[in-house]
Amino acid sequence: MSTITMNLYYTGVKGNAQKFAQEMESSGTAAAIRAEEGNLKYNYFISMDDPETVLLIDSWKDQASLDVHHASPMMQTIMQLREKYDLHMRAERYSQENEAVSAADASFIRQ
């Protein structure tokens, strides 16, 4: 089974990307997405070099879980908020087999 991770970069003006992320959190929409079957991660991050961009890291246990999410009513809420804050997006998609960190990589990770 392959885990799917989407890095979604939301960019706006006048702090709108951060306002979008704040409303996603305060409205409970982000929490509802985190509670969806198959969601592994749904977290927003603020760019240190571009304060007008917010990164969402959104991970799912498999493509089927992501497809169910995309068909959910929450997608309408997300799309409405993106329009409200006039955001533009860039997406990166990563697929990963569920493997442990290699010994070579582990030597660089401080836990």
PDB file of N, CA and C in Angstrom:
ATOM      1  N   MET A   1       0.844  -1.178   0.000  1.00  0.00           N
ATOM      2  CA  MET A   1       0.000   0.000   0.000  1.00  0.00           C
ATOM      3  C   MET A   1       0.889   1.240   0.000  1.00  0.00           C
ATOM      4  N   SER A   2       0.539   2.222  -0.835  1.00  0.00           N
ATOM      5  CA  SER A   2       1.306   3.459  -0.929  1.00  0.00           C
ATOM      6  C   SER A   2       0.591   4.600  -0.233  1.00  0.00           C
ATOM      7  N   THR A   3       1.305   5.290   0.627  1.00  0.00           N
ATOM      8  CA  THR A   3       0.800   6.495   1.260  1.00  0.00           C
ATOM      9  C   THR A   3       0.894   7.634   0.249  1.00  0.00           C
ATOM     10  N   ILE A   4      -0.119   8.489   0.211  1.00  0.00           N
ATOM     11  CA  ILE A   4      -0.146   9.644  -0.680  1.00  0.00           C
ATOM     12  C   ILE A   4       0.016  10.894   0.182  1.00  0.00           C
ATOM     13  N   THR A   5       0.982  11.731  -0.163  1.00  0.00           N
ATOM     14  CA  THR A   5       1.168  13.007   0.520  1.00  0.00           C
ATOM     15  C   THR A   5       1.095  14.119  -0.504  1.00  0.00           C
ATOM     16  N   MET A   6       0.256  15.100  -0.197  1.00  0.00           N
ATOM     17  CA  MET A   6       0.128  16.283  -1.035  1.00  0.00           C
ATOM     18  C   MET A   6       0.709  17.476  -0.280  1.00  0.00           C
ATOM     19  N   ASN A   7       1.616  18.173  -0.930  1.00  0.00           N
ATOM     20  CA  ASN A   7       2.082  19.466  -0.430  1.00  0.00           C
ATOM     21  C   ASN A   7       1.347  20.517  -1.248  1.00  0.00           C
ATOM     22  N   LEU A   8       0.480  21.270  -0.586  1.00  0.00           N
ATOM     23  CA  LEU A   8      -0.314  22.292  -1.254  1.00  0.00           C
ATOM     24  C   LEU A   8       0.151  23.659  -0.768  1.00  0.00           C
ATOM     25  N   TYR A   9       0.603  24.481  -1.696  1.00  0.00           N
ATOM     26  CA  TYR A   9       1.094  25.816  -1.384  1.00  0.00           C
ATOM     27  C   TYR A   9      -0.013  26.811  -1.734  1.00  0.00           C
ATOM     28  N   TYR A  10      -0.550  27.491  -0.724  1.00  0.00           N
ATOM     29  CA  TYR A  10      -1.585  28.498  -0.906  1.00  0.00           C
ATOM     30  C   TYR A  10      -0.916  29.864  -0.850  1.00  0.00           C
ATOM     31  N   THR A  11      -1.117  30.671  -1.890  1.00  0.00           N
ATOM     32  CA  THR A  11      -0.500  31.998  -1.951  1.00  0.00           C
ATOM     33  C   THR A  11      -1.581  33.046  -2.200  1.00  0.00           C
ATOM     34  N   GLY A  12      -1.486  34.136  -1.446  1.00  0.00           N
ATOM     35  CA  GLY A  12      -2.420  35.242  -1.595  1.00  0.00           C
ATOM     36  C   GLY A  12      -1.704  36.558  -1.369  1.00  0.00           C
ATOM     37  N   VAL A  13      -2.466  37.559  -1.002  1.00  0.00           N
ATOM     38  CA  VAL A  13      -1.919  38.882  -0.675  1.00  0.00           C
ATOM     39  C   VAL A  13      -2.535  39.331   0.644  1.00  0.00           C
ATOM     40  N   LYS A  14      -1.882  40.293   1.282  1.00  0.00           N
ATOM     41  CA  LYS A  14      -2.384  40.910   2.515  1.00  0.00           C
ATOM     42  C   LYS A  14      -2.702  39.892   3.607  1.00  0.00           C
ATOM     43  N   GLY A  15      -1.887  38.825   3.693  1.00  0.00           N
ATOM     44  CA  GLY A  15      -2.072  37.832   4.738  1.00  0.00           C
ATOM     45  C   GLY A  15      -3.223  36.871   4.512  1.00  0.00           C
ATOM     46  N   ASN A  16      -3.788  36.849   3.310  1.00  0.00           N
ATOM     47  CA  ASN A  16      -4.975  36.020   3.065  1.00  0.00           C
ATOM     48  C   ASN A  16      -4.707  34.524   3.189  1.00  0.00           C
ATOM     49  N   ALA A  17      -3.516  34.066   2.839  1.00  0.00           N
ATOM     50  CA  ALA A  17      -3.231  32.627   2.972  1.00  0.00           C
ATOM     51  C   ALA A  17      -3.262  32.223   4.448  1.00  0.00           C
ATOM     52  N   GLN A  18      -2.706  33.070   5.300  1.00  0.00           N
ATOM     53  CA  GLN A  18      -2.734  32.769   6.733  1.00  0.00           C
ATOM     54  C   GLN A  18      -4.159  32.872   7.287  1.00  0.00           C
ATOM     55  N   LYS A  19      -4.926  33.831   6.793  1.00  0.00           N
ATOM     56  CA  LYS A  19      -6.324  33.962   7.228  1.00  0.00           C
ATOM     57  C   LYS A  19      -7.123  32.722   6.821  1.00  0.00           C
ATOM     58  N   PHE A  20      -6.866  32.217   5.619  1.00  0.00           N
ATOM     59  CA  PHE A  20      -7.517  30.986   5.151  1.00  0.00           C
ATOM     60  C   PHE A  20      -7.207  29.831   6.093  1.00  0.00           C
ATOM     61  N   ALA A  21      -5.926  29.626   6.405  1.00  0.00           N
ATOM     62  CA  ALA A  21      -5.534  28.523   7.292  1.00  0.00           C
ATOM     63  C   ALA A  21      -6.154  28.698   8.677  1.00  0.00           C
ATOM     64  N   GLN A  22      -6.166  29.936   9.176  1.00  0.00           N
ATOM     65  CA  GLN A  22      -6.775  30.190  10.481  1.00  0.00           C
ATOM     66  C   GLN A  22      -8.262  29.871  10.471  1.00  0.00           C
ATOM     67  N   GLU A  23      -8.960  30.219   9.387  1.00  0.00           N
ATOM     68  CA  GLU A  23     -10.392  29.920   9.316  1.00  0.00           C
ATOM     69  C   GLU A  23     -10.635  28.420   9.160  1.00  0.00           C
ATOM     70  N   MET A  24      -9.770  27.737   8.420  1.00  0.00           N
ATOM     71  CA  MET A  24      -9.888  26.279   8.313  1.00  0.00           C
ATOM     72  C   MET A  24      -9.793  25.646   9.703  1.00  0.00           C
ATOM     73  N   GLU A  25      -8.886  26.169  10.530  1.00  0.00           N
ATOM     74  CA  GLU A  25      -8.724  25.636  11.892  1.00  0.00           C
ATOM     75  C   GLU A  25      -9.874  26.065  12.804  1.00  0.00           C
ATOM     76  N   SER A  26     -10.185  27.353  12.831  1.00  0.00           N
ATOM     77  CA  SER A  26     -11.194  27.853  13.781  1.00  0.00           C
ATOM     78  C   SER A  26     -12.603  27.370  13.456  1.00  0.00           C
ATOM     79  N   SER A  27     -12.883  27.084  12.197  1.00  0.00           N
ATOM     80  CA  SER A  27     -14.218  26.618  11.804  1.00  0.00           C
ATOM     81  C   SER A  27     -14.430  25.136  12.096  1.00  0.00           C
ATOM     82  N   GLY A  28     -13.338  24.424  12.412  1.00  0.00           N
ATOM     83  CA  GLY A  28     -13.437  22.993  12.653  1.00  0.00           C
ATOM     84  C   GLY A  28     -13.290  22.153  11.393  1.00  0.00           C
ATOM     85  N   THR A  29     -13.135  22.800  10.242  1.00  0.00           N
ATOM     86  CA  THR A  29     -13.007  22.063   8.981  1.00  0.00           C
ATOM     87  C   THR A  29     -11.746  21.218   8.967  1.00  0.00           C
ATOM     88  N   ALA A  30     -10.631  21.790   9.402  1.00  0.00           N
ATOM     89  CA  ALA A  30      -9.377  21.026   9.430  1.00  0.00           C
ATOM     90  C   ALA A  30      -9.491  19.834  10.375  1.00  0.00           C
ATOM     91  N   ALA A  31     -10.103  20.032  11.531  1.00  0.00           N
ATOM     92  CA  ALA A  31     -10.278  18.930  12.487  1.00  0.00           C
ATOM     93  C   ALA A  31     -11.161  17.831  11.894  1.00  0.00           C
ATOM     94  N   ALA A  32     -12.191  18.219  11.162  1.00  0.00           N
ATOM     95  CA  ALA A  32     -13.072  17.226  10.536  1.00  0.00           C
ATOM     96  C   ALA A  32     -12.316  16.423   9.479  1.00  0.00           C
ATOM     97  N   ILE A  33     -11.449  17.079   8.747  1.00  0.00           N
ATOM     98  CA  ILE A  33     -10.641  16.377   7.744  1.00  0.00           C
ATOM     99  C   ILE A  33      -9.679  15.415   8.434  1.00  0.00           C
ATOM    100  N   ARG A  34      -9.065  15.863   9.516  1.00  0.00           N
ATOM    101  CA  ARG A  34      -8.150  14.980  10.267  1.00  0.00           C
ATOM    102  C   ARG A  34      -8.875  13.734  10.792  1.00  0.00           C
ATOM    103  N   ALA A  35     -10.171  13.863  11.040  1.00  0.00           N
ATOM    104  CA  ALA A  35     -10.955  12.745  11.568  1.00  0.00           C
ATOM    105  C   ALA A  35     -11.451  11.801  10.470  1.00  0.00           C
ATOM    106  N   GLU A  36     -11.270  12.179   9.213  1.00  0.00           N
ATOM    107  CA  GLU A  36     -11.725  11.320   8.119  1.00  0.00           C
ATOM    108  C   GLU A  36     -10.928  10.022   8.095  1.00  0.00           C
ATOM    109  N   GLU A  37     -11.614   8.953   7.739  1.00  0.00           N
ATOM    110  CA  GLU A  37     -10.974   7.645   7.602  1.00  0.00           C
ATOM    111  C   GLU A  37      -9.840   7.747   6.581  1.00  0.00           C
ATOM    112  N   GLY A  38      -8.661   7.326   6.986  1.00  0.00           N
ATOM    113  CA  GLY A  38      -7.521   7.298   6.077  1.00  0.00           C
ATOM    114  C   GLY A  38      -6.640   8.526   6.117  1.00  0.00           C
ATOM    115  N   ASN A  39      -7.069   9.597   6.816  1.00  0.00           N
ATOM    116  CA  ASN A  39      -6.199  10.773   6.901  1.00  0.00           C
ATOM    117  C   ASN A  39      -5.085  10.511   7.899  1.00  0.00           C
ATOM    118  N   LEU A  40      -3.856  10.767   7.488  1.00  0.00           N
ATOM    119  CA  LEU A  40      -2.691  10.564   8.343  1.00  0.00           C
ATOM    120  C   LEU A  40      -2.108  11.872   8.858  1.00  0.00           C
ATOM    121  N   LYS A  41      -2.298  12.943   8.097  1.00  0.00           N
ATOM    122  CA  LYS A  41      -1.723  14.234   8.486  1.00  0.00           C
ATOM    123  C   LYS A  41      -2.449  15.333   7.729  1.00  0.00           C
ATOM    124  N   TYR A  42      -2.709  16.427   8.415  1.00  0.00           N
ATOM    125  CA  TYR A  42      -3.319  17.599   7.797  1.00  0.00           C
ATOM    126  C   TYR A  42      -2.837  18.800   8.601  1.00  0.00           C
ATOM    127  N   ASN A  43      -1.703  19.383   8.188  1.00  0.00           N
ATOM    128  CA  ASN A  43      -1.079  20.446   8.962  1.00  0.00           C
ATOM    129  C   ASN A  43      -0.650  21.601   8.081  1.00  0.00           C
ATOM    130  N   TYR A  44      -0.899  22.807   8.577  1.00  0.00           N
ATOM    131  CA  TYR A  44      -0.501  24.034   7.890  1.00  0.00           C
ATOM    132  C   TYR A  44       0.816  24.551   8.449  1.00  0.00           C
ATOM    133  N   PHE A  45       1.653  25.126   7.561  1.00  0.00           N
ATOM    134  CA  PHE A  45       2.935  25.707   7.940  1.00  0.00           C
ATOM    135  C   PHE A  45       3.093  27.041   7.230  1.00  0.00           C
ATOM    136  N   ILE A  46       3.672  28.007   7.921  1.00  0.00           N
ATOM    137  CA  ILE A  46       3.905  29.339   7.361  1.00  0.00           C
ATOM    138  C   ILE A  46       5.322  29.400   6.815  1.00  0.00           C
ATOM    139  N   SER A  47       5.450  29.896   5.602  1.00  0.00           N
ATOM    140  CA  SER A  47       6.752  30.008   4.958  1.00  0.00           C
ATOM    141  C   SER A  47       7.580  31.108   5.618  1.00  0.00           C
ATOM    142  N   MET A  48       8.813  30.787   5.959  1.00  0.00           N
ATOM    143  CA  MET A  48       9.703  31.780   6.562  1.00  0.00           C
ATOM    144  C   MET A  48      10.204  32.799   5.533  1.00  0.00           C
ATOM    145  N   ASP A  49      10.327  32.381   4.271  1.00  0.00           N
ATOM    146  CA  ASP A  49      10.857  33.305   3.263  1.00  0.00           C
ATOM    147  C   ASP A  49       9.763  33.954   2.419  1.00  0.00           C
ATOM    148  N   ASP A  50       8.515  33.529   2.575  1.00  0.00           N
ATOM    149  CA  ASP A  50       7.405  34.120   1.834  1.00  0.00           C
ATOM    150  C   ASP A  50       6.163  34.123   2.722  1.00  0.00           C
ATOM    151  N   PRO A  51       5.947  35.182   3.508  1.00  0.00           N
ATOM    152  CA  PRO A  51       4.825  35.207   4.449  1.00  0.00           C
ATOM    153  C   PRO A  51       3.452  35.194   3.770  1.00  0.00           C
ATOM    154  N   GLU A  52       3.407  35.351   2.460  1.00  0.00           N
ATOM    155  CA  GLU A  52       2.135  35.299   1.741  1.00  0.00           C
ATOM    156  C   GLU A  52       1.792  33.878   1.273  1.00  0.00           C
ATOM    157  N   THR A  53       2.641  32.908   1.646  1.00  0.00           N
ATOM    158  CA  THR A  53       2.407  31.514   1.272  1.00  0.00           C
ATOM    159  C   THR A  53       2.293  30.644   2.511  1.00  0.00           C
ATOM    160  N   VAL A  54       1.294  29.773   2.504  1.00  0.00           N
ATOM    161  CA  VAL A  54       1.101  28.780   3.558  1.00  0.00           C
ATOM    162  C   VAL A  54       1.176  27.409   2.896  1.00  0.00           C
ATOM    163  N   LEU A  55       1.896  26.498   3.535  1.00  0.00           N
ATOM    164  CA  LEU A  55       2.020  25.129   3.053  1.00  0.00           C
ATOM    165  C   LEU A  55       1.085  24.223   3.851  1.00  0.00           C
ATOM    166  N   LEU A  56       0.303  23.425   3.147  1.00  0.00           N
ATOM    167  CA  LEU A  56      -0.490  22.377   3.769  1.00  0.00           C
ATOM    168  C   LEU A  56       0.150  21.043   3.413  1.00  0.00           C
ATOM    169  N   ILE A  57       0.491  20.247   4.422  1.00  0.00           N
ATOM    170  CA  ILE A  57       0.939  18.877   4.195  1.00  0.00           C
ATOM    171  C   ILE A  57      -0.235  17.980   4.557  1.00  0.00           C
ATOM    172  N   ASP A  58      -0.713  17.259   3.557  1.00  0.00           N
ATOM    173  CA  ASP A  58      -1.945  16.490   3.629  1.00  0.00           C
ATOM    174  C   ASP A  58      -1.622  15.055   3.219  1.00  0.00           C
ATOM    175  N   SER A  59      -1.642  14.107   4.166  1.00  0.00           N
ATOM    176  CA  SER A  59      -1.266  12.722   3.871  1.00  0.00           C
ATOM    177  C   SER A  59      -2.438  11.774   4.080  1.00  0.00           C
ATOM    178  N   TRP A  60      -2.507  10.772   3.217  1.00  0.00           N
ATOM    179  CA  TRP A  60      -3.592   9.794   3.224  1.00  0.00           C
ATOM    180  C   TRP A  60      -3.015   8.405   3.120  1.00  0.00           C
ATOM    181  N   LYS A  61      -3.699   7.423   3.731  1.00  0.00           N
ATOM    182  CA  LYS A  61      -3.161   6.059   3.753  1.00  0.00           C
ATOM    183  C   LYS A  61      -3.118   5.431   2.370  1.00  0.00           C
ATOM    184  N   ASP A  62      -3.996   5.878   1.457  1.00  0.00           N
ATOM    185  CA  ASP A  62      -4.004   5.334   0.097  1.00  0.00           C
ATOM    186  C   ASP A  62      -4.840   6.230  -0.809  1.00  0.00           C
ATOM    187  N   GLN A  63      -4.809   5.926  -2.105  1.00  0.00           N
ATOM    188  CA  GLN A  63      -5.551   6.727  -3.082  1.00  0.00           C
ATOM    189  C   GLN A  63      -7.053   6.665  -2.838  1.00  0.00           C
ATOM    190  N   ALA A  64      -7.563   5.517  -2.430  1.00  0.00           N
ATOM    191  CA  ALA A  64      -9.001   5.387  -2.174  1.00  0.00           C
ATOM    192  C   ALA A  64      -9.459   6.359  -1.083  1.00  0.00           C
ATOM    193  N   SER A  65      -8.679   6.498  -0.030  1.00  0.00           N
ATOM    194  CA  SER A  65      -9.023   7.438   1.052  1.00  0.00           C
ATOM    195  C   SER A  65      -9.024   8.876   0.547  1.00  0.00           C
ATOM    196  N   LEU A  66      -8.044   9.206  -0.279  1.00  0.00           N
ATOM    197  CA  LEU A  66      -7.977  10.555  -0.843  1.00  0.00           C
ATOM    198  C   LEU A  66      -9.166  10.803  -1.771  1.00  0.00           C
ATOM    199  N   ASP A  67      -9.552   9.797  -2.547  1.00  0.00           N
ATOM    200  CA  ASP A  67     -10.706   9.939  -3.443  1.00  0.00           C
ATOM    201  C   ASP A  67     -11.989  10.203  -2.655  1.00  0.00           C
ATOM    202  N   VAL A  68     -12.169   9.488  -1.536  1.00  0.00           N
ATOM    203  CA  VAL A  68     -13.355   9.709  -0.693  1.00  0.00           C
ATOM    204  C   VAL A  68     -13.341  11.135  -0.147  1.00  0.00           C
ATOM    205  N   HIS A  69     -12.181  11.600   0.284  1.00  0.00           N
ATOM    206  CA  HIS A  69     -12.057  12.980   0.775  1.00  0.00           C
ATOM    207  C   HIS A  69     -12.432  13.977  -0.320  1.00  0.00           C
ATOM    208  N   HIS A  70     -11.919  13.766  -1.537  1.00  0.00           N
ATOM    209  CA  HIS A  70     -12.211  14.686  -2.633  1.00  0.00           C
ATOM    210  C   HIS A  70     -13.697  14.713  -2.990  1.00  0.00           C
ATOM    211  N   ALA A  71     -14.414  13.633  -2.716  1.00  0.00           N
ATOM    212  CA  ALA A  71     -15.852  13.566  -2.998  1.00  0.00           C
ATOM    213  C   ALA A  71     -16.703  14.052  -1.823  1.00  0.00           C
ATOM    214  N   SER A  72     -16.063  14.406  -0.706  1.00  0.00           N
ATOM    215  CA  SER A  72     -16.801  14.795   0.494  1.00  0.00           C
ATOM    216  C   SER A  72     -17.311  16.234   0.402  1.00  0.00           C
ATOM    217  N   PRO A  73     -18.342  16.561   1.189  1.00  0.00           N
ATOM    218  CA  PRO A  73     -18.857  17.935   1.226  1.00  0.00           C
ATOM    219  C   PRO A  73     -17.816  18.947   1.708  1.00  0.00           C
ATOM    220  N   MET A  74     -16.811  18.502   2.434  1.00  0.00           N
ATOM    221  CA  MET A  74     -15.786  19.434   2.921  1.00  0.00           C
ATOM    222  C   MET A  74     -15.024  20.099   1.781  1.00  0.00           C
ATOM    223  N   MET A  75     -14.955  19.436   0.628  1.00  0.00           N
ATOM    224  CA  MET A  75     -14.248  20.042  -0.506  1.00  0.00           C
ATOM    225  C   MET A  75     -14.942  21.320  -0.952  1.00  0.00           C
ATOM    226  N   GLN A  76     -16.290  21.357  -0.865  1.00  0.00           N
ATOM    227  CA  GLN A  76     -17.015  22.579  -1.197  1.00  0.00           C
ATOM    228  C   GLN A  76     -16.626  23.704  -0.247  1.00  0.00           C
ATOM    229  N   THR A  77     -16.534  23.395   1.036  1.00  0.00           N
ATOM    230  CA  THR A  77     -16.126  24.388   2.034  1.00  0.00           C
ATOM    231  C   THR A  77     -14.739  24.913   1.717  1.00  0.00           C
ATOM    232  N   ILE A  78     -13.813  24.004   1.427  1.00  0.00           N
ATOM    233  CA  ILE A  78     -12.437  24.403   1.111  1.00  0.00           C
ATOM    234  C   ILE A  78     -12.421  25.302  -0.121  1.00  0.00           C
ATOM    235  N   MET A  79     -13.140  24.914  -1.164  1.00  0.00           N
ATOM    236  CA  MET A  79     -13.149  25.710  -2.398  1.00  0.00           C
ATOM    237  C   MET A  79     -13.762  27.087  -2.162  1.00  0.00           C
ATOM    238  N   GLN A  80     -14.809  27.162  -1.346  1.00  0.00           N
ATOM    239  CA  GLN A  80     -15.418  28.458  -1.033  1.00  0.00           C
ATOM    240  C   GLN A  80     -14.446  29.355  -0.274  1.00  0.00           C
ATOM    241  N   LEU A  81     -13.714  28.770   0.672  1.00  0.00           N
ATOM    242  CA  LEU A  81     -12.740  29.572   1.423  1.00  0.00           C
ATOM    243  C   LEU A  81     -11.582  30.017   0.536  1.00  0.00           C
ATOM    244  N   ARG A  82     -11.149  29.162  -0.376  1.00  0.00           N
ATOM    245  CA  ARG A  82     -10.085  29.570  -1.311  1.00  0.00           C
ATOM    246  C   ARG A  82     -10.542  30.753  -2.147  1.00  0.00           C
ATOM    247  N   GLU A  83     -11.806  30.733  -2.588  1.00  0.00           N
ATOM    248  CA  GLU A  83     -12.354  31.854  -3.353  1.00  0.00           C
ATOM    249  C   GLU A  83     -12.474  33.100  -2.470  1.00  0.00           C
ATOM    250  N   LYS A  84     -12.972  32.936  -1.262  1.00  0.00           N
ATOM    251  CA  LYS A  84     -13.137  34.056  -0.330  1.00  0.00           C
ATOM    252  C   LYS A  84     -11.832  34.811  -0.140  1.00  0.00           C
ATOM    253  N   TYR A  85     -10.729  34.061  -0.019  1.00  0.00           N
ATOM    254  CA  TYR A  85      -9.422  34.671   0.230  1.00  0.00           C
ATOM    255  C   TYR A  85      -8.594  34.850  -1.049  1.00  0.00           C
ATOM    256  N   ASP A  86      -9.191  34.559  -2.214  1.00  0.00           N
ATOM    257  CA  ASP A  86      -8.556  34.746  -3.523  1.00  0.00           C
ATOM    258  C   ASP A  86      -7.157  34.123  -3.575  1.00  0.00           C
ATOM    259  N   LEU A  87      -7.095  32.847  -3.240  1.00  0.00           N
ATOM    260  CA  LEU A  87      -5.812  32.152  -3.174  1.00  0.00           C
ATOM    261  C   LEU A  87      -5.493  31.423  -4.468  1.00  0.00           C
ATOM    262  N   HIS A  88      -4.210  31.364  -4.761  1.00  0.00           N
ATOM    263  CA  HIS A  88      -3.696  30.565  -5.871  1.00  0.00           C
ATOM    264  C   HIS A  88      -2.935  29.402  -5.262  1.00  0.00           C
ATOM    265  N   MET A  89      -2.867  28.308  -6.003  1.00  0.00           N
ATOM    266  CA  MET A  89      -2.276  27.093  -5.435  1.00  0.00           C
ATOM    267  C   MET A  89      -1.222  26.500  -6.359  1.00  0.00           C
ATOM    268  N   ARG A  90      -0.312  25.808  -5.702  1.00  0.00           N
ATOM    269  CA  ARG A  90       0.655  24.949  -6.385  1.00  0.00           C
ATOM    270  C   ARG A  90       0.658  23.643  -5.611  1.00  0.00           C
ATOM    271  N   ALA A  91       0.662  22.523  -6.317  1.00  0.00           N
ATOM    272  CA  ALA A  91       0.577  21.220  -5.659  1.00  0.00           C
ATOM    273  C   ALA A  91       1.750  20.331  -6.043  1.00  0.00           C
ATOM    274  N   GLU A  92       2.212  19.577  -5.067  1.00  0.00           N
ATOM    275  CA  GLU A  92       3.209  18.528  -5.274  1.00  0.00           C
ATOM    276  C   GLU A  92       2.623  17.252  -4.696  1.00  0.00           C
ATOM    277  N   ARG A  93       2.779  16.167  -5.419  1.00  0.00           N
ATOM    278  CA  ARG A  93       2.228  14.879  -4.975  1.00  0.00           C
ATOM    279  C   ARG A  93       3.370  13.891  -4.796  1.00  0.00           C
ATOM    280  N   TYR A  94       3.352  13.205  -3.650  1.00  0.00           N
ATOM    281  CA  TYR A  94       4.366  12.207  -3.341  1.00  0.00           C
ATOM    282  C   TYR A  94       3.677  10.912  -2.954  1.00  0.00           C
ATOM    283  N   SER A  95       4.232   9.815  -3.433  1.00  0.00           N
ATOM    284  CA  SER A  95       3.736   8.496  -3.095  1.00  0.00           C
ATOM    285  C   SER A  95       4.881   7.740  -2.440  1.00  0.00           C
ATOM    286  N   GLN A  96       4.572   7.038  -1.359  1.00  0.00           N
ATOM    287  CA  GLN A  96       5.634   6.371  -0.600  1.00  0.00           C
ATOM    288  C   GLN A  96       5.139   5.032  -0.097  1.00  0.00           C
ATOM    289  N   GLU A  97       5.950   4.031  -0.297  1.00  0.00           N
ATOM    290  CA  GLU A  97       5.650   2.745   0.311  1.00  0.00           C
ATOM    291  C   GLU A  97       5.864   2.894   1.808  1.00  0.00           C
ATOM    292  N   ASN A  98       5.107   2.187   2.595  1.00  0.00           N
ATOM    293  CA  ASN A  98       5.225   2.284   4.048  1.00  0.00           C
ATOM    294  C   ASN A  98       6.457   1.522   4.512  1.00  0.00           C
ATOM    295  N   GLU A  99       7.588   2.211   4.494  1.00  0.00           N
ATOM    296  CA  GLU A  99       8.852   1.609   4.888  1.00  0.00           C
ATOM    297  C   GLU A  99       9.458   2.402   6.037  1.00  0.00           C
ATOM    298  N   ALA A 100      10.253   1.746   6.825  1.00  0.00           N
ATOM    299  CA  ALA A 100      10.975   2.432   7.896  1.00  0.00           C
ATOM    300  C   ALA A 100      12.099   3.263   7.283  1.00  0.00           C
ATOM    301  N   VAL A 101      12.572   4.233   8.014  1.00  0.00           N
ATOM    302  CA  VAL A 101      13.711   5.040   7.581  1.00  0.00           C
ATOM    303  C   VAL A 101      14.927   4.131   7.489  1.00  0.00           C
ATOM    304  N   SER A 102      15.678   4.292   6.412  1.00  0.00           N
ATOM    305  CA  SER A 102      16.861   3.449   6.238  1.00  0.00           C
ATOM    306  C   SER A 102      17.906   3.778   7.305  1.00  0.00           C
ATOM    307  N   ALA A 103      18.804   2.842   7.551  1.00  0.00           N
ATOM    308  CA  ALA A 103      19.879   3.059   8.534  1.00  0.00           C
ATOM    309  C   ALA A 103      20.736   4.245   8.122  1.00  0.00           C
ATOM    310  N   ALA A 104      20.986   4.384   6.825  1.00  0.00           N
ATOM    311  CA  ALA A 104      21.803   5.512   6.347  1.00  0.00           C
ATOM    312  C   ALA A 104      21.112   6.846   6.638  1.00  0.00           C
ATOM    313  N   ASP A 105      19.801   6.920   6.402  1.00  0.00           N
ATOM    314  CA  ASP A 105      19.065   8.154   6.677  1.00  0.00           C
ATOM    315  C   ASP A 105      18.924   8.397   8.176  1.00  0.00           C
ATOM    316  N   ALA A 106      18.734   7.350   8.939  1.00  0.00           N
ATOM    317  CA  ALA A 106      18.525   7.465  10.378  1.00  0.00           C
ATOM    318  C   ALA A 106      19.707   8.133  11.082  1.00  0.00           C
ATOM    319  N   SER A 107      20.901   7.977  10.516  1.00  0.00           N
ATOM    320  CA  SER A 107      22.075   8.570  11.152  1.00  0.00           C
ATOM    321  C   SER A 107      22.024  10.100  11.138  1.00  0.00           C
ATOM    322  N   PHE A 108      21.159  10.686  10.304  1.00  0.00           N
ATOM    323  CA  PHE A 108      21.032  12.154  10.205  1.00  0.00           C
ATOM    324  C   PHE A 108      19.832  12.691  10.976  1.00  0.00           C
ATOM    325  N   ILE A 109      19.064  11.821  11.597  1.00  0.00           N
ATOM    326  CA  ILE A 109      17.824  12.223  12.273  1.00  0.00           C
ATOM    327  C   ILE A 109      18.032  12.202  13.777  1.00  0.00           C
ATOM    328  N   ARG A 110      17.787  13.331  14.390  1.00  0.00           N
ATOM    329  CA  ARG A 110      17.882  13.426  15.846  1.00  0.00           C
ATOM    330  C   ARG A 110      16.489  13.268  16.426  1.00  0.00           C
ATOM    331  N   GLN A 111      16.319  12.262  17.257  1.00  0.00           N
ATOM    332  CA  GLN A 111      14.995  12.020  17.852  1.00  0.00           C
ATOM    333  C   GLN A 111      14.947  12.440  19.286  1.00  0.00           C
TER     334      GLN A 111
END
